[in-house]
Amino acid sequence: LPTSDFDPQRGIQLGALVLLADAGQQRWLLLAPDAAGLKIHTGEREIILITPRSPIGQRLLGLAPGDVFSLQIGAQLQHLEVLQAL
């Protein structure tokens, strides 16, 4: 997996580690080319791998910290905020 520093001009891209807030909960996601759903535990942090093909992965591409977006999951509309992107 290629990694690089977050570039605000390009926004979130493949390889980005992203902290999202959703209804008061926070979760770390890693935008990876494959292995969606795999959970990695590093100390007390859990990181969930997602792909750019997933609905949330598609929405994250190009965003930056502070951006807010909505995502329909089943019958529920969720509002998410990008807190960090590394």
N, C-alpha and C. Protein backbone atom coordinates (compact mmCIF):
# COMPACT_ATOMS: atom_id res chain seq x y z
N LEU A 1 0.85 -1.18 0.00
CA LEU A 1 0.00 0.00 0.00
C LEU A 1 0.89 1.24 0.00
N PRO A 2 0.78 2.05 -1.03
CA PRO A 2 1.57 3.28 -1.07
C PRO A 2 1.08 4.25 -0.02
N THR A 3 2.00 4.88 0.68
CA THR A 3 1.63 5.88 1.68
C THR A 3 2.32 7.20 1.35
N SER A 4 1.68 8.27 1.73
CA SER A 4 2.28 9.59 1.57
C SER A 4 1.62 10.51 2.58
N ASP A 5 2.24 11.64 2.83
CA ASP A 5 1.66 12.61 3.74
C ASP A 5 0.38 13.16 3.14
N PHE A 6 -0.56 13.54 4.02
CA PHE A 6 -1.82 14.12 3.56
C PHE A 6 -1.56 15.41 2.81
N ASP A 7 -2.13 15.54 1.63
CA ASP A 7 -1.99 16.72 0.80
C ASP A 7 -3.35 17.42 0.74
N PRO A 8 -3.50 18.58 1.38
CA PRO A 8 -4.80 19.26 1.39
C PRO A 8 -5.31 19.61 -0.01
N GLN A 9 -4.41 19.77 -0.97
CA GLN A 9 -4.83 20.08 -2.34
C GLN A 9 -5.54 18.90 -3.00
N ARG A 10 -5.12 17.68 -2.65
CA ARG A 10 -5.72 16.47 -3.24
C ARG A 10 -6.80 15.88 -2.35
N GLY A 11 -6.74 16.18 -1.06
CA GLY A 11 -7.73 15.62 -0.13
C GLY A 11 -7.42 14.16 0.15
N ILE A 12 -8.37 13.48 0.74
CA ILE A 12 -8.20 12.08 1.12
C ILE A 12 -8.06 11.23 -0.14
N GLN A 13 -7.03 10.38 -0.13
CA GLN A 13 -6.74 9.49 -1.24
C GLN A 13 -6.46 8.09 -0.71
N LEU A 14 -6.25 7.15 -1.59
CA LEU A 14 -5.90 5.78 -1.21
C LEU A 14 -4.69 5.81 -0.28
N GLY A 15 -4.75 5.08 0.81
CA GLY A 15 -3.67 5.03 1.78
C GLY A 15 -3.86 5.96 2.96
N ALA A 16 -4.90 6.78 2.92
CA ALA A 16 -5.14 7.74 4.00
C ALA A 16 -5.72 7.06 5.23
N LEU A 17 -5.28 7.50 6.38
CA LEU A 17 -5.84 7.10 7.67
C LEU A 17 -6.74 8.24 8.11
N VAL A 18 -8.02 7.94 8.34
CA VAL A 18 -9.02 8.98 8.55
C VAL A 18 -9.75 8.75 9.87
N LEU A 19 -9.92 9.82 10.65
CA LEU A 19 -10.73 9.77 11.86
C LEU A 19 -12.05 10.45 11.55
N LEU A 20 -13.15 9.68 11.69
CA LEU A 20 -14.49 10.19 11.44
C LEU A 20 -15.28 10.30 12.73
N ALA A 21 -16.17 11.28 12.79
CA ALA A 21 -17.10 11.42 13.90
C ALA A 21 -18.50 11.20 13.35
N ASP A 22 -19.28 10.40 14.07
CA ASP A 22 -20.64 10.09 13.67
C ASP A 22 -21.50 9.99 14.92
N ALA A 23 -22.41 10.95 15.12
CA ALA A 23 -23.33 10.94 16.26
C ALA A 23 -22.58 10.77 17.58
N GLY A 24 -21.49 11.50 17.76
CA GLY A 24 -20.75 11.45 19.01
C GLY A 24 -19.74 10.32 19.12
N GLN A 25 -19.72 9.42 18.17
CA GLN A 25 -18.74 8.33 18.17
C GLN A 25 -17.65 8.63 17.15
N GLN A 26 -16.45 8.18 17.47
CA GLN A 26 -15.32 8.37 16.56
C GLN A 26 -14.81 7.00 16.12
N ARG A 27 -14.36 6.94 14.88
CA ARG A 27 -13.76 5.69 14.39
C ARG A 27 -12.67 6.02 13.37
N TRP A 28 -11.64 5.18 13.39
CA TRP A 28 -10.52 5.31 12.46
C TRP A 28 -10.77 4.39 11.28
N LEU A 29 -10.55 4.90 10.07
CA LEU A 29 -10.68 4.13 8.85
C LEU A 29 -9.40 4.28 8.03
N LEU A 30 -9.00 3.20 7.39
CA LEU A 30 -7.85 3.23 6.48
C LEU A 30 -8.39 2.93 5.09
N LEU A 31 -8.18 3.85 4.16
CA LEU A 31 -8.64 3.68 2.79
C LEU A 31 -7.61 2.81 2.06
N ALA A 32 -7.97 1.54 1.86
CA ALA A 32 -7.05 0.56 1.30
C ALA A 32 -7.59 0.02 -0.02
N PRO A 33 -6.70 -0.55 -0.87
CA PRO A 33 -7.17 -1.06 -2.16
C PRO A 33 -7.98 -2.35 -2.04
N ASP A 34 -7.87 -3.05 -0.91
CA ASP A 34 -8.56 -4.33 -0.74
C ASP A 34 -8.70 -4.64 0.75
N ALA A 35 -9.28 -5.77 1.09
CA ALA A 35 -9.43 -6.25 2.47
C ALA A 35 -10.45 -5.45 3.27
N ALA A 36 -11.50 -4.98 2.61
CA ALA A 36 -12.54 -4.20 3.30
C ALA A 36 -13.09 -4.99 4.47
N GLY A 37 -13.29 -4.29 5.57
CA GLY A 37 -13.85 -4.89 6.77
C GLY A 37 -12.82 -5.44 7.73
N LEU A 38 -11.60 -5.60 7.28
CA LEU A 38 -10.54 -6.08 8.17
C LEU A 38 -10.32 -5.06 9.27
N LYS A 39 -10.20 -5.53 10.50
CA LYS A 39 -9.96 -4.64 11.64
C LYS A 39 -8.56 -4.87 12.16
N ILE A 40 -7.86 -3.76 12.36
CA ILE A 40 -6.50 -3.80 12.88
C ILE A 40 -6.52 -3.13 14.25
N HIS A 41 -5.91 -3.77 15.22
CA HIS A 41 -5.83 -3.20 16.57
C HIS A 41 -4.40 -2.78 16.85
N THR A 42 -4.22 -1.51 17.17
CA THR A 42 -2.91 -0.98 17.52
C THR A 42 -3.05 -0.31 18.87
N GLY A 43 -2.62 -0.98 19.91
CA GLY A 43 -2.83 -0.44 21.25
C GLY A 43 -4.31 -0.40 21.55
N GLU A 44 -4.82 0.77 21.88
CA GLU A 44 -6.25 0.92 22.16
C GLU A 44 -7.04 1.37 20.94
N ARG A 45 -6.38 1.58 19.83
CA ARG A 45 -7.03 2.07 18.62
C ARG A 45 -7.44 0.90 17.71
N GLU A 46 -8.67 0.94 17.22
CA GLU A 46 -9.12 -0.02 16.21
C GLU A 46 -9.24 0.74 14.89
N ILE A 47 -8.66 0.17 13.84
CA ILE A 47 -8.70 0.77 12.51
C ILE A 47 -9.42 -0.21 11.60
N ILE A 48 -10.43 0.29 10.89
CA ILE A 48 -11.20 -0.54 9.97
C ILE A 48 -10.79 -0.19 8.55
N LEU A 49 -10.45 -1.22 7.76
CA LEU A 49 -10.09 -0.99 6.37
C LEU A 49 -11.35 -0.87 5.53
N ILE A 50 -11.35 0.13 4.66
CA ILE A 50 -12.42 0.32 3.68
C ILE A 50 -11.77 0.51 2.32
N THR A 51 -12.53 0.33 1.27
CA THR A 51 -11.98 0.54 -0.08
C THR A 51 -12.67 1.74 -0.72
N PRO A 52 -12.06 2.29 -1.76
CA PRO A 52 -12.68 3.40 -2.48
C PRO A 52 -13.96 2.98 -3.22
N ARG A 53 -14.18 1.66 -3.34
CA ARG A 53 -15.38 1.17 -4.00
C ARG A 53 -16.59 1.15 -3.06
N SER A 54 -16.35 1.23 -1.76
CA SER A 54 -17.45 1.23 -0.80
C SER A 54 -18.14 2.60 -0.82
N PRO A 55 -19.40 2.66 -0.40
CA PRO A 55 -20.08 3.96 -0.38
C PRO A 55 -19.35 5.01 0.46
N ILE A 56 -18.87 4.63 1.63
CA ILE A 56 -18.17 5.60 2.47
C ILE A 56 -16.81 5.95 1.86
N GLY A 57 -16.13 4.98 1.27
CA GLY A 57 -14.86 5.25 0.62
C GLY A 57 -15.01 6.21 -0.55
N GLN A 58 -16.07 6.02 -1.33
CA GLN A 58 -16.34 6.93 -2.45
C GLN A 58 -16.56 8.35 -1.97
N ARG A 59 -17.29 8.50 -0.89
CA ARG A 59 -17.60 9.83 -0.36
C ARG A 59 -16.38 10.51 0.25
N LEU A 60 -15.46 9.73 0.82
CA LEU A 60 -14.27 10.31 1.46
C LEU A 60 -13.26 10.87 0.48
N LEU A 61 -13.19 10.30 -0.72
CA LEU A 61 -12.18 10.73 -1.69
C LEU A 61 -12.25 12.24 -1.93
N GLY A 62 -11.14 12.91 -1.75
CA GLY A 62 -11.03 14.34 -2.01
C GLY A 62 -11.41 15.23 -0.83
N LEU A 63 -11.97 14.64 0.24
CA LEU A 63 -12.35 15.46 1.40
C LEU A 63 -11.14 15.78 2.26
N ALA A 64 -11.33 16.68 3.23
CA ALA A 64 -10.27 17.11 4.13
C ALA A 64 -10.85 17.27 5.53
N PRO A 65 -9.98 17.35 6.55
CA PRO A 65 -10.48 17.58 7.91
C PRO A 65 -11.39 18.80 7.96
N GLY A 66 -12.50 18.64 8.68
CA GLY A 66 -13.49 19.70 8.79
C GLY A 66 -14.67 19.52 7.85
N ASP A 67 -14.49 18.69 6.81
CA ASP A 67 -15.59 18.44 5.88
C ASP A 67 -16.64 17.55 6.53
N VAL A 68 -17.89 17.84 6.23
CA VAL A 68 -19.03 17.07 6.72
C VAL A 68 -19.77 16.53 5.50
N PHE A 69 -20.23 15.28 5.60
CA PHE A 69 -21.00 14.69 4.51
C PHE A 69 -22.06 13.78 5.08
N SER A 70 -23.06 13.48 4.25
CA SER A 70 -24.15 12.58 4.64
C SER A 70 -24.05 11.31 3.84
N LEU A 71 -24.49 10.23 4.46
CA LEU A 71 -24.43 8.92 3.82
C LEU A 71 -25.67 8.13 4.21
N GLN A 72 -26.40 7.66 3.22
CA GLN A 72 -27.59 6.85 3.47
C GLN A 72 -27.16 5.40 3.68
N ILE A 73 -27.45 4.87 4.86
CA ILE A 73 -27.15 3.47 5.18
C ILE A 73 -28.47 2.81 5.56
N GLY A 74 -28.98 2.01 4.65
CA GLY A 74 -30.30 1.41 4.85
C GLY A 74 -31.33 2.52 4.88
N ALA A 75 -32.17 2.53 5.91
CA ALA A 75 -33.20 3.55 6.04
C ALA A 75 -32.71 4.77 6.81
N GLN A 76 -31.46 4.75 7.23
CA GLN A 76 -30.94 5.81 8.10
C GLN A 76 -29.96 6.72 7.36
N LEU A 77 -30.15 8.01 7.51
CA LEU A 77 -29.22 8.99 6.96
C LEU A 77 -28.24 9.37 8.06
N GLN A 78 -26.95 9.13 7.81
CA GLN A 78 -25.92 9.46 8.79
C GLN A 78 -25.15 10.70 8.33
N HIS A 79 -24.80 11.54 9.31
CA HIS A 79 -24.01 12.74 9.04
C HIS A 79 -22.65 12.52 9.69
N LEU A 80 -21.61 12.58 8.89
CA LEU A 80 -20.26 12.29 9.34
C LEU A 80 -19.36 13.49 9.13
N GLU A 81 -18.38 13.64 10.01
CA GLU A 81 -17.40 14.71 9.90
C GLU A 81 -16.00 14.12 9.90
N VAL A 82 -15.17 14.60 8.99
CA VAL A 82 -13.77 14.20 8.94
C VAL A 82 -13.03 15.03 9.99
N LEU A 83 -12.52 14.35 11.03
CA LEU A 83 -11.80 15.05 12.09
C LEU A 83 -10.31 15.15 11.77
N GLN A 84 -9.73 14.07 11.26
CA GLN A 84 -8.30 14.04 10.92
C GLN A 84 -8.10 13.20 9.67
N ALA A 85 -7.08 13.51 8.93
CA ALA A 85 -6.65 12.70 7.79
C ALA A 85 -5.13 12.70 7.80
N LEU A 86 -4.56 11.52 7.83
CA LEU A 86 -3.11 11.38 7.88
C LEU A 86 -2.63 10.62 6.66
